[in-house]
Amino acid sequence: MTRAEIFRESEYAPGSVGDIFRLIRSGAATSRSALARQIGMAPSTISLRIDSLIRLGLISEAGDEQSRGGRRARALEVATTAGFVGAMDVGAHHVQVGIADLGGRMLAIEDVPVAIEDGPAPAAEALWAALQNLIVAHDLDEAHLRGVAIGLPAPIEYPSGRVVLPSFMPSWHNADLPGLFAEFTSIPVLVENDANLIALAEQTMGGHSSDQLLAVKLGTRIGCGIISDGRLHRGAGGAAGEISHTAVQGTSTISCVCGTPNCLESVASGGAIVSRLSQLGYSVQTAADVVELGRGGDAQVVDILRSAGTSIGGVLASIVNFFNPRDVILGGAMSASAPLVAAIRAELFQRCLPLVGNDLDVRAARSPGDAGVRGAAHLVLEEVLAPARIEQLVRELDDTPDTAPSDTTAQTA
């Protein structure tokens, strides 16, 4: 089953085992009786399908729900101990690796030393080794690893996961990480743009869901993730949100693969600001260094940050007027720069239509330090627990009699 097939909504029918598991995961129905009422199926049919999910080890019945009259219903919930997923966020100057249970709770997040400049093949080997080390350190069984998602600061072709013309990682062009990881594992391996992962992480974090949002990654490069009607919007081939190659006022300080003179990335990204400050004699190497330098109040540094923020805000204003999101979330290392963020906000609210700006919330990411790995965990869970994949697991279970649930889970993951 390919990635595109798994996400196709027509792959499952209302009331199927996959649909029932989807309702339990979302919290829309958490008992057999609630499922029967919502779907309109006979309780006996619902029970047969619930039993299949229990045999797979994917759900459990725990405690009692509040009674609606008569005997209390047993509460259904995802069996978080039935497996786990790996999540990776690969940046220009950092790599984070995490593990999440099937309920989406992060079990571990660690910064790891991976030299991405060595190229995709050595990096893939190092990433897999780092994930294995994390699994062992937390006493988990690698056999229960169900999938891995990797975020990269680059355009990612959808659905193949191929890396396309990364601006500051030229050796990664055409890299096939799923293919490289296939040397180590047969589980699903997904690759996604890092800004898209921030958008996924922020969509439901903090106790409320936002169906219309832009997540802007302000780091060494600039990217944008789009949630539209509650779904990640990738465009026809995966390039949606590549705002950094829009021409702006200013002078490029770094080269860019896009070929657009004075594009936003070459003028206002963290990498561009590092280059400009270095030319002026400042000792900076990373976006984090720029943020720290800006906190000192140096007038020249603050002026450069404000100018970059104005450029970013101007590009965003056109997109916000067109898309009319409810939230604009700023993430990445440069989102900690007060002068940069203030200039972005000022430009946005000055240029946005009143109807657009009235309900617009421009804010920092709720968990900027690990939004990438959290979004990666969300992405891979949506795939490995997708209704179509659950249907596939049930069919395999029915074709494999007398198999213990834990073994089935490990073999089919």
Foldseek 3Di string as FASTA:
>chain_A
DDLVLLPPPVLDDQPALLNVVVCQLVVVDWFLVSSCVVRVDDSVSSVVSVVLCVQLVQKDFDDFDDDPDDDTTTTIHTRQLLAKEKFWEDEPPWIKIWIATLSLHTPDIDIDDADCLVADLSRLVVNVVVNVVVCVVVVHDPLRHAEYEYEYQAQAWPPQRFGDQRWPRNRRHRPRSQVSCVVPDDHYYGYAHQQQLLCQLQQCPPNRGFQFEWEWAAWLFIWIWTRHRNHTDQPDTRPPGRQQQQAFPAQFQDDGPPPRGRGLGRQQGLNNLQSVVVVVPDDDDTSLRLQVVVVVVDPVSLVSLLVSLLRVLQSVLVVLQVRLGLEYEYAYNNVSRPSSLVSSVVSNVVRHDCVSPVRYYYYYRPCRVCSRRSSRSVVVSCRCSRSSNVVVLSVVDVVDPPDGSSVSSSVSD
